[in-house]
Amino acid sequence: MSNKPGRKPTISNQTMTLADTEYSYQLPESTVKFEVKCRTDFDVKLAFIETESSTNYFTIPSGTSYWEDEIETTKTLYFQCADAGKVLEIKSWQS
């Protein structure tokens, strides 16, 4: 993923302390692009609506990442993992 001139990157590591528990992360203001992945080889459930990371989600398969670009709104990510203590790595770029 390239970084266009004038964009500021942010990195956040979110520990999912408990298994099968929803956690959230609000992307910084002016985020135009983000990428998320689990630091270790575990699937992560990701949703964009609170309380839906166990019912209305999509899976980021182990060993892969998910990204969106050309976004123009601040989003909150809701996520969980079936195994405790895993870390979700989040990279975002702000205009």
PDB file of N, CA and C in Angstrom:
ATOM      1  N   MET A   1       0.852  -1.177   0.000  1.00  0.00           N
ATOM      2  CA  MET A   1       0.000   0.000   0.000  1.00  0.00           C
ATOM      3  C   MET A   1       0.895   1.237   0.000  1.00  0.00           C
ATOM      4  N   SER A   2       0.762   2.026  -0.990  1.00  0.00           N
ATOM      5  CA  SER A   2       1.611   3.211  -1.072  1.00  0.00           C
ATOM      6  C   SER A   2       1.040   4.339  -0.233  1.00  0.00           C
ATOM      7  N   ASN A   3       1.911   5.248   0.114  1.00  0.00           N
ATOM      8  CA  ASN A   3       1.528   6.396   0.924  1.00  0.00           C
ATOM      9  C   ASN A   3       1.645   7.633   0.046  1.00  0.00           C
ATOM     10  N   LYS A   4       0.534   8.268  -0.293  1.00  0.00           N
ATOM     11  CA  LYS A   4       0.557   9.449  -1.142  1.00  0.00           C
ATOM     12  C   LYS A   4       1.163  10.623  -0.379  1.00  0.00           C
ATOM     13  N   PRO A   5       1.810  11.547  -1.084  1.00  0.00           N
ATOM     14  CA  PRO A   5       2.377  12.729  -0.426  1.00  0.00           C
ATOM     15  C   PRO A   5       1.318  13.486   0.370  1.00  0.00           C
ATOM     16  N   GLY A   6       1.670  13.948   1.542  1.00  0.00           N
ATOM     17  CA  GLY A   6       0.757  14.721   2.370  1.00  0.00           C
ATOM     18  C   GLY A   6      -0.102  13.896   3.300  1.00  0.00           C
ATOM     19  N   ARG A   7      -0.038  12.574   3.184  1.00  0.00           N
ATOM     20  CA  ARG A   7      -0.819  11.720   4.081  1.00  0.00           C
ATOM     21  C   ARG A   7       0.024  11.333   5.280  1.00  0.00           C
ATOM     22  N   LYS A   8      -0.628  11.372   6.450  1.00  0.00           N
ATOM     23  CA  LYS A   8       0.055  11.022   7.697  1.00  0.00           C
ATOM     24  C   LYS A   8      -0.391   9.645   8.149  1.00  0.00           C
ATOM     25  N   PRO A   9       0.554   8.732   8.387  1.00  0.00           N
ATOM     26  CA  PRO A   9       0.177   7.399   8.849  1.00  0.00           C
ATOM     27  C   PRO A   9       0.016   7.336  10.367  1.00  0.00           C
ATOM     28  N   THR A  10      -0.871   6.456  10.813  1.00  0.00           N
ATOM     29  CA  THR A  10      -1.058   6.163  12.236  1.00  0.00           C
ATOM     30  C   THR A  10      -1.060   4.653  12.391  1.00  0.00           C
ATOM     31  N   ILE A  11      -0.378   4.161  13.412  1.00  0.00           N
ATOM     32  CA  ILE A  11      -0.375   2.734  13.710  1.00  0.00           C
ATOM     33  C   ILE A  11      -0.944   2.534  15.105  1.00  0.00           C
ATOM     34  N   SER A  12      -1.848   1.564  15.241  1.00  0.00           N
ATOM     35  CA  SER A  12      -2.425   1.245  16.540  1.00  0.00           C
ATOM     36  C   SER A  12      -2.473  -0.272  16.688  1.00  0.00           C
ATOM     37  N   ASN A  13      -2.110  -0.747  17.860  1.00  0.00           N
ATOM     38  CA  ASN A  13      -2.189  -2.171  18.180  1.00  0.00           C
ATOM     39  C   ASN A  13      -3.233  -2.345  19.273  1.00  0.00           C
ATOM     40  N   GLN A  14      -4.295  -3.103  18.964  1.00  0.00           N
ATOM     41  CA  GLN A  14      -5.400  -3.294  19.890  1.00  0.00           C
ATOM     42  C   GLN A  14      -5.416  -4.749  20.370  1.00  0.00           C
ATOM     43  N   THR A  15      -5.158  -4.952  21.672  1.00  0.00           N
ATOM     44  CA  THR A  15      -5.159  -6.298  22.229  1.00  0.00           C
ATOM     45  C   THR A  15      -6.578  -6.741  22.541  1.00  0.00           C
ATOM     46  N   MET A  16      -6.919  -7.915  22.040  1.00  0.00           N
ATOM     47  CA  MET A  16      -8.224  -8.515  22.314  1.00  0.00           C
ATOM     48  C   MET A  16      -8.014  -9.461  23.501  1.00  0.00           C
ATOM     49  N   THR A  17      -8.092  -8.903  24.685  1.00  0.00           N
ATOM     50  CA  THR A  17      -7.747  -9.602  25.922  1.00  0.00           C
ATOM     51  C   THR A  17      -8.556 -10.871  26.133  1.00  0.00           C
ATOM     52  N   LEU A  18      -9.858 -10.789  25.891  1.00  0.00           N
ATOM     53  CA  LEU A  18     -10.758 -11.929  26.109  1.00  0.00           C
ATOM     54  C   LEU A  18     -11.221 -12.516  24.776  1.00  0.00           C
ATOM     55  N   ALA A  19     -11.387 -13.802  24.725  1.00  0.00           N
ATOM     56  CA  ALA A  19     -11.899 -14.468  23.529  1.00  0.00           C
ATOM     57  C   ALA A  19     -13.376 -14.146  23.328  1.00  0.00           C
ATOM     58  N   ASP A  20     -13.780 -14.075  22.072  1.00  0.00           N
ATOM     59  CA  ASP A  20     -15.192 -13.884  21.714  1.00  0.00           C
ATOM     60  C   ASP A  20     -15.837 -12.686  22.404  1.00  0.00           C
ATOM     61  N   THR A  21     -15.083 -11.609  22.516  1.00  0.00           N
ATOM     62  CA  THR A  21     -15.551 -10.366  23.130  1.00  0.00           C
ATOM     63  C   THR A  21     -15.323  -9.235  22.142  1.00  0.00           C
ATOM     64  N   GLU A  22     -16.344  -8.395  21.956  1.00  0.00           N
ATOM     65  CA  GLU A  22     -16.217  -7.300  20.997  1.00  0.00           C
ATOM     66  C   GLU A  22     -15.367  -6.168  21.552  1.00  0.00           C
ATOM     67  N   TYR A  23     -14.455  -5.697  20.707  1.00  0.00           N
ATOM     68  CA  TYR A  23     -13.631  -4.527  21.001  1.00  0.00           C
ATOM     69  C   TYR A  23     -13.865  -3.519  19.888  1.00  0.00           C
ATOM     70  N   SER A  24     -13.525  -2.268  20.149  1.00  0.00           N
ATOM     71  CA  SER A  24     -13.738  -1.247  19.121  1.00  0.00           C
ATOM     72  C   SER A  24     -12.531  -0.325  19.018  1.00  0.00           C
ATOM     73  N   TYR A  25     -12.430   0.286  17.850  1.00  0.00           N
ATOM     74  CA  TYR A  25     -11.376   1.273  17.592  1.00  0.00           C
ATOM     75  C   TYR A  25     -11.938   2.307  16.640  1.00  0.00           C
ATOM     76  N   GLN A  26     -11.887   3.571  17.043  1.00  0.00           N
ATOM     77  CA  GLN A  26     -12.346   4.636  16.166  1.00  0.00           C
ATOM     78  C   GLN A  26     -11.157   5.138  15.364  1.00  0.00           C
ATOM     79  N   LEU A  27     -11.284   5.071  14.054  1.00  0.00           N
ATOM     80  CA  LEU A  27     -10.225   5.575  13.193  1.00  0.00           C
ATOM     81  C   LEU A  27     -10.057   7.071  13.424  1.00  0.00           C
ATOM     82  N   PRO A  28      -8.823   7.573  13.341  1.00  0.00           N
ATOM     83  CA  PRO A  28      -8.602   9.005  13.550  1.00  0.00           C
ATOM     84  C   PRO A  28      -9.395   9.862  12.556  1.00  0.00           C
ATOM     85  N   GLU A  29      -9.682  11.069  12.969  1.00  0.00           N
ATOM     86  CA  GLU A  29     -10.375  12.021  12.105  1.00  0.00           C
ATOM     87  C   GLU A  29      -9.575  12.219  10.823  1.00  0.00           C
ATOM     88  N   SER A  30     -10.256  12.392   9.720  1.00  0.00           N
ATOM     89  CA  SER A  30      -9.670  12.606   8.397  1.00  0.00           C
ATOM     90  C   SER A  30      -9.000  11.365   7.820  1.00  0.00           C
ATOM     91  N   THR A  31      -9.370  10.177   8.320  1.00  0.00           N
ATOM     92  CA  THR A  31      -8.821   8.945   7.752  1.00  0.00           C
ATOM     93  C   THR A  31      -9.351   8.763   6.332  1.00  0.00           C
ATOM     94  N   VAL A  32      -8.441   8.469   5.409  1.00  0.00           N
ATOM     95  CA  VAL A  32      -8.820   8.241   4.020  1.00  0.00           C
ATOM     96  C   VAL A  32      -8.539   6.800   3.588  1.00  0.00           C
ATOM     97  N   LYS A  33      -7.811   6.058   4.426  1.00  0.00           N
ATOM     98  CA  LYS A  33      -7.427   4.692   4.083  1.00  0.00           C
ATOM     99  C   LYS A  33      -7.062   3.958   5.359  1.00  0.00           C
ATOM    100  N   PHE A  34      -7.400   2.651   5.438  1.00  0.00           N
ATOM    101  CA  PHE A  34      -6.957   1.865   6.583  1.00  0.00           C
ATOM    102  C   PHE A  34      -6.719   0.424   6.172  1.00  0.00           C
ATOM    103  N   GLU A  35      -5.916  -0.275   6.981  1.00  0.00           N
ATOM    104  CA  GLU A  35      -5.626  -1.695   6.803  1.00  0.00           C
ATOM    105  C   GLU A  35      -5.597  -2.338   8.184  1.00  0.00           C
ATOM    106  N   VAL A  36      -6.185  -3.533   8.316  1.00  0.00           N
ATOM    107  CA  VAL A  36      -6.185  -4.259   9.590  1.00  0.00           C
ATOM    108  C   VAL A  36      -5.794  -5.710   9.366  1.00  0.00           C
ATOM    109  N   LYS A  37      -5.119  -6.289  10.383  1.00  0.00           N
ATOM    110  CA  LYS A  37      -4.781  -7.709  10.347  1.00  0.00           C
ATOM    111  C   LYS A  37      -4.446  -8.174  11.746  1.00  0.00           C
ATOM    112  N   CYS A  38      -4.579  -9.476  11.959  1.00  0.00           N
ATOM    113  CA  CYS A  38      -4.192 -10.067  13.233  1.00  0.00           C
ATOM    114  C   CYS A  38      -2.686 -10.293  13.215  1.00  0.00           C
ATOM    115  N   ARG A  39      -2.019  -9.964  14.305  1.00  0.00           N
ATOM    116  CA  ARG A  39      -0.563 -10.099  14.374  1.00  0.00           C
ATOM    117  C   ARG A  39      -0.124 -11.556  14.256  1.00  0.00           C
ATOM    118  N   THR A  40      -0.917 -12.481  14.750  1.00  0.00           N
ATOM    119  CA  THR A  40      -0.590 -13.902  14.673  1.00  0.00           C
ATOM    120  C   THR A  40      -1.607 -14.608  13.785  1.00  0.00           C
ATOM    121  N   ASP A  41      -1.462 -15.892  13.610  1.00  0.00           N
ATOM    122  CA  ASP A  41      -2.306 -16.633  12.678  1.00  0.00           C
ATOM    123  C   ASP A  41      -3.646 -17.035  13.278  1.00  0.00           C
ATOM    124  N   PHE A  42      -4.548 -16.067  13.386  1.00  0.00           N
ATOM    125  CA  PHE A  42      -5.910 -16.326  13.856  1.00  0.00           C
ATOM    126  C   PHE A  42      -6.876 -15.494  13.022  1.00  0.00           C
ATOM    127  N   ASP A  43      -8.058 -16.031  12.769  1.00  0.00           N
ATOM    128  CA  ASP A  43      -9.114 -15.282  12.085  1.00  0.00           C
ATOM    129  C   ASP A  43      -9.622 -14.181  13.005  1.00  0.00           C
ATOM    130  N   VAL A  44     -10.051 -13.078  12.409  1.00  0.00           N
ATOM    131  CA  VAL A  44     -10.663 -11.977  13.153  1.00  0.00           C
ATOM    132  C   VAL A  44     -12.014 -11.674  12.510  1.00  0.00           C
ATOM    133  N   LYS A  45     -13.031 -11.450  13.337  1.00  0.00           N
ATOM    134  CA  LYS A  45     -14.349 -11.035  12.868  1.00  0.00           C
ATOM    135  C   LYS A  45     -14.391  -9.516  12.911  1.00  0.00           C
ATOM    136  N   LEU A  46     -14.807  -8.880  11.813  1.00  0.00           N
ATOM    137  CA  LEU A  46     -14.830  -7.425  11.722  1.00  0.00           C
ATOM    138  C   LEU A  46     -16.215  -6.951  11.314  1.00  0.00           C
ATOM    139  N   ALA A  47     -16.709  -5.917  11.999  1.00  0.00           N
ATOM    140  CA  ALA A  47     -18.014  -5.319  11.687  1.00  0.00           C
ATOM    141  C   ALA A  47     -17.897  -3.798  11.767  1.00  0.00           C
ATOM    142  N   PHE A  48     -18.882  -3.126  11.218  1.00  0.00           N
ATOM    143  CA  PHE A  48     -18.911  -1.659  11.259  1.00  0.00           C
ATOM    144  C   PHE A  48     -20.056  -1.136  12.113  1.00  0.00           C
ATOM    145  N   ILE A  49     -20.821  -2.058  12.727  1.00  0.00           N
ATOM    146  CA  ILE A  49     -21.933  -1.672  13.599  1.00  0.00           C
ATOM    147  C   ILE A  49     -21.719  -2.321  14.959  1.00  0.00           C
ATOM    148  N   GLU A  50     -21.848  -1.529  16.004  1.00  0.00           N
ATOM    149  CA  GLU A  50     -21.647  -2.016  17.366  1.00  0.00           C
ATOM    150  C   GLU A  50     -22.560  -3.205  17.666  1.00  0.00           C
ATOM    151  N   THR A  51     -22.040  -4.168  18.357  1.00  0.00           N
ATOM    152  CA  THR A  51     -22.678  -5.423  18.783  1.00  0.00           C
ATOM    153  C   THR A  51     -22.888  -6.433  17.648  1.00  0.00           C
ATOM    154  N   GLU A  52     -22.413  -6.144  16.449  1.00  0.00           N
ATOM    155  CA  GLU A  52     -22.623  -7.062  15.336  1.00  0.00           C
ATOM    156  C   GLU A  52     -21.391  -7.885  14.966  1.00  0.00           C
ATOM    157  N   SER A  53     -20.316  -7.783  15.745  1.00  0.00           N
ATOM    158  CA  SER A  53     -19.109  -8.538  15.388  1.00  0.00           C
ATOM    159  C   SER A  53     -19.254 -10.034  15.643  1.00  0.00           C
ATOM    160  N   SER A  54     -20.381 -10.460  16.219  1.00  0.00           N
ATOM    161  CA  SER A  54     -20.611 -11.894  16.383  1.00  0.00           C
ATOM    162  C   SER A  54     -21.789 -12.388  15.546  1.00  0.00           C
ATOM    163  N   THR A  55     -22.503 -11.470  14.887  1.00  0.00           N
ATOM    164  CA  THR A  55     -23.670 -11.891  14.105  1.00  0.00           C
ATOM    165  C   THR A  55     -23.645 -11.404  12.662  1.00  0.00           C
ATOM    166  N   ASN A  56     -23.224 -10.185  12.432  1.00  0.00           N
ATOM    167  CA  ASN A  56     -23.238  -9.596  11.090  1.00  0.00           C
ATOM    168  C   ASN A  56     -21.849  -9.040  10.806  1.00  0.00           C
ATOM    169  N   TYR A  57     -20.930  -9.899  10.490  1.00  0.00           N
ATOM    170  CA  TYR A  57     -19.529  -9.555  10.347  1.00  0.00           C
ATOM    171  C   TYR A  57     -18.960 -10.215   9.112  1.00  0.00           C
ATOM    172  N   PHE A  58     -17.727  -9.875   8.787  1.00  0.00           N
ATOM    173  CA  PHE A  58     -16.991 -10.655   7.811  1.00  0.00           C
ATOM    174  C   PHE A  58     -15.674 -11.052   8.447  1.00  0.00           C
ATOM    175  N   THR A  59     -15.109 -12.124   7.946  1.00  0.00           N
ATOM    176  CA  THR A  59     -13.908 -12.695   8.541  1.00  0.00           C
ATOM    177  C   THR A  59     -12.666 -12.234   7.795  1.00  0.00           C
ATOM    178  N   ILE A  60     -11.684 -11.794   8.563  1.00  0.00           N
ATOM    179  CA  ILE A  60     -10.361 -11.562   8.009  1.00  0.00           C
ATOM    180  C   ILE A  60      -9.595 -12.858   8.267  1.00  0.00           C
ATOM    181  N   PRO A  61      -9.403 -13.674   7.232  1.00  0.00           N
ATOM    182  CA  PRO A  61      -8.767 -14.974   7.446  1.00  0.00           C
ATOM    183  C   PRO A  61      -7.336 -14.852   7.969  1.00  0.00           C
ATOM    184  N   SER A  62      -6.956 -15.838   8.737  1.00  0.00           N
ATOM    185  CA  SER A  62      -5.611 -15.922   9.277  1.00  0.00           C
ATOM    186  C   SER A  62      -4.574 -15.671   8.187  1.00  0.00           C
ATOM    187  N   GLY A  63      -3.592 -14.822   8.489  1.00  0.00           N
ATOM    188  CA  GLY A  63      -2.502 -14.558   7.556  1.00  0.00           C
ATOM    189  C   GLY A  63      -2.803 -13.551   6.465  1.00  0.00           C
ATOM    190  N   THR A  64      -4.000 -12.940   6.502  1.00  0.00           N
ATOM    191  CA  THR A  64      -4.348 -11.940   5.494  1.00  0.00           C
ATOM    192  C   THR A  64      -4.700 -10.614   6.160  1.00  0.00           C
ATOM    193  N   SER A  65      -4.868  -9.594   5.349  1.00  0.00           N
ATOM    194  CA  SER A  65      -5.279  -8.295   5.876  1.00  0.00           C
ATOM    195  C   SER A  65      -6.498  -7.812   5.093  1.00  0.00           C
ATOM    196  N   TYR A  66      -7.150  -6.789   5.643  1.00  0.00           N
ATOM    197  CA  TYR A  66      -8.304  -6.153   5.003  1.00  0.00           C
ATOM    198  C   TYR A  66      -8.025  -4.667   4.955  1.00  0.00           C
ATOM    199  N   TRP A  67      -8.364  -4.029   3.862  1.00  0.00           N
ATOM    200  CA  TRP A  67      -8.171  -2.592   3.765  1.00  0.00           C
ATOM    201  C   TRP A  67      -9.304  -1.946   2.987  1.00  0.00           C
ATOM    202  N   GLU A  68      -9.461  -0.683   3.236  1.00  0.00           N
ATOM    203  CA  GLU A  68     -10.364   0.173   2.464  1.00  0.00           C
ATOM    204  C   GLU A  68      -9.620   1.464   2.202  1.00  0.00           C
ATOM    205  N   ASP A  69      -9.817   2.003   1.015  1.00  0.00           N
ATOM    206  CA  ASP A  69      -9.244   3.307   0.716  1.00  0.00           C
ATOM    207  C   ASP A  69     -10.299   4.188   0.070  1.00  0.00           C
ATOM    208  N   GLU A  70      -9.940   5.428  -0.111  1.00  0.00           N
ATOM    209  CA  GLU A  70     -10.850   6.434  -0.645  1.00  0.00           C
ATOM    210  C   GLU A  70     -12.102   6.586   0.211  1.00  0.00           C
ATOM    211  N   ILE A  71     -11.936   6.450   1.529  1.00  0.00           N
ATOM    212  CA  ILE A  71     -13.060   6.693   2.426  1.00  0.00           C
ATOM    213  C   ILE A  71     -13.041   8.157   2.842  1.00  0.00           C
ATOM    214  N   GLU A  72     -14.178   8.696   3.176  1.00  0.00           N
ATOM    215  CA  GLU A  72     -14.277  10.111   3.532  1.00  0.00           C
ATOM    216  C   GLU A  72     -15.007  10.321   4.835  1.00  0.00           C
ATOM    217  N   THR A  73     -15.064   9.303   5.654  1.00  0.00           N
ATOM    218  CA  THR A  73     -15.794   9.420   6.901  1.00  0.00           C
ATOM    219  C   THR A  73     -15.026   8.733   8.016  1.00  0.00           C
ATOM    220  N   THR A  74     -15.216   9.182   9.211  1.00  0.00           N
ATOM    221  CA  THR A  74     -14.600   8.512  10.342  1.00  0.00           C
ATOM    222  C   THR A  74     -15.420   7.274  10.659  1.00  0.00           C
ATOM    223  N   LYS A  75     -14.767   6.143  10.727  1.00  0.00           N
ATOM    224  CA  LYS A  75     -15.438   4.881  11.010  1.00  0.00           C
ATOM    225  C   LYS A  75     -14.954   4.328  12.337  1.00  0.00           C
ATOM    226  N   THR A  76     -15.819   3.584  12.976  1.00  0.00           N
ATOM    227  CA  THR A  76     -15.415   2.803  14.131  1.00  0.00           C
ATOM    228  C   THR A  76     -15.414   1.354  13.701  1.00  0.00           C
ATOM    229  N   LEU A  77     -14.341   0.653  14.018  1.00  0.00           N
ATOM    230  CA  LEU A  77     -14.221  -0.761  13.709  1.00  0.00           C
ATOM    231  C   LEU A  77     -14.587  -1.557  14.948  1.00  0.00           C
ATOM    232  N   TYR A  78     -15.351  -2.612  14.775  1.00  0.00           N
ATOM    233  CA  TYR A  78     -15.727  -3.509  15.867  1.00  0.00           C
ATOM    234  C   TYR A  78     -15.186  -4.888  15.501  1.00  0.00           C
ATOM    235  N   PHE A  79     -14.499  -5.524  16.425  1.00  0.00           N
ATOM    236  CA  PHE A  79     -13.798  -6.753  16.074  1.00  0.00           C
ATOM    237  C   PHE A  79     -13.666  -7.680  17.270  1.00  0.00           C
ATOM    238  N   GLN A  80     -13.438  -8.957  16.962  1.00  0.00           N
ATOM    239  CA  GLN A  80     -13.210  -9.953  18.000  1.00  0.00           C
ATOM    240  C   GLN A  80     -12.483 -11.149  17.404  1.00  0.00           C
ATOM    241  N   CYS A  81     -11.916 -11.959  18.305  1.00  0.00           N
ATOM    242  CA  CYS A  81     -11.176 -13.153  17.919  1.00  0.00           C
ATOM    243  C   CYS A  81     -11.609 -14.293  18.841  1.00  0.00           C
ATOM    244  N   ALA A  82     -11.592 -15.513  18.323  1.00  0.00           N
ATOM    245  CA  ALA A  82     -12.005 -16.670  19.119  1.00  0.00           C
ATOM    246  C   ALA A  82     -10.943 -17.092  20.130  1.00  0.00           C
ATOM    247  N   ASP A  83      -9.768 -16.502  20.065  1.00  0.00           N
ATOM    248  CA  ASP A  83      -8.687 -16.845  20.987  1.00  0.00           C
ATOM    249  C   ASP A  83      -8.262 -15.586  21.750  1.00  0.00           C
ATOM    250  N   ALA A  84      -8.072 -15.702  23.051  1.00  0.00           N
ATOM    251  CA  ALA A  84      -7.729 -14.545  23.900  1.00  0.00           C
ATOM    252  C   ALA A  84      -6.295 -14.074  23.675  1.00  0.00           C
ATOM    253  N   GLY A  85      -6.085 -12.786  23.911  1.00  0.00           N
ATOM    254  CA  GLY A  85      -4.754 -12.206  23.914  1.00  0.00           C
ATOM    255  C   GLY A  85      -4.166 -11.887  22.560  1.00  0.00           C
ATOM    256  N   LYS A  86      -4.943 -11.958  21.503  1.00  0.00           N
ATOM    257  CA  LYS A  86      -4.432 -11.663  20.163  1.00  0.00           C
ATOM    258  C   LYS A  86      -4.453 -10.156  19.919  1.00  0.00           C
ATOM    259  N   VAL A  87      -3.602  -9.699  19.007  1.00  0.00           N
ATOM    260  CA  VAL A  87      -3.453  -8.274  18.738  1.00  0.00           C
ATOM    261  C   VAL A  87      -3.908  -7.961  17.317  1.00  0.00           C
ATOM    262  N   LEU A  88      -4.803  -6.977  17.194  1.00  0.00           N
ATOM    263  CA  LEU A  88      -5.209  -6.468  15.890  1.00  0.00           C
ATOM    264  C   LEU A  88      -4.321  -5.278  15.568  1.00  0.00           C
ATOM    265  N   GLU A  89      -3.619  -5.363  14.436  1.00  0.00           N
ATOM    266  CA  GLU A  89      -2.780  -4.257  13.982  1.00  0.00           C
ATOM    267  C   GLU A  89      -3.601  -3.398  13.038  1.00  0.00           C
ATOM    268  N   ILE A  90      -3.609  -2.097  13.302  1.00  0.00           N
ATOM    269  CA  ILE A  90      -4.403  -1.162  12.493  1.00  0.00           C
ATOM    270  C   ILE A  90      -3.487  -0.067  11.983  1.00  0.00           C
ATOM    271  N   LYS A  91      -3.423   0.065  10.662  1.00  0.00           N
ATOM    272  CA  LYS A  91      -2.702   1.177  10.030  1.00  0.00           C
ATOM    273  C   LYS A  91      -3.744   2.047   9.365  1.00  0.00           C
ATOM    274  N   SER A  92      -3.621   3.348   9.548  1.00  0.00           N
ATOM    275  CA  SER A  92      -4.529   4.260   8.855  1.00  0.00           C
ATOM    276  C   SER A  92      -3.738   5.452   8.349  1.00  0.00           C
ATOM    277  N   TRP A  93      -4.292   6.072   7.325  1.00  0.00           N
ATOM    278  CA  TRP A  93      -3.657   7.251   6.746  1.00  0.00           C
ATOM    279  C   TRP A  93      -4.661   8.385   6.764  1.00  0.00           C
ATOM    280  N   GLN A  94      -4.216   9.553   7.190  1.00  0.00           N
ATOM    281  CA  GLN A  94      -5.072  10.722   7.286  1.00  0.00           C
ATOM    282  C   GLN A  94      -4.620  11.759   6.261  1.00  0.00           C
ATOM    283  N   SER A  95      -5.600  12.513   5.731  1.00  0.00           N
ATOM    284  CA  SER A  95      -5.287  13.547   4.754  1.00  0.00           C
ATOM    285  C   SER A  95      -4.697  14.759   5.434  1.00  0.00           C
TER     286      SER A  95
END
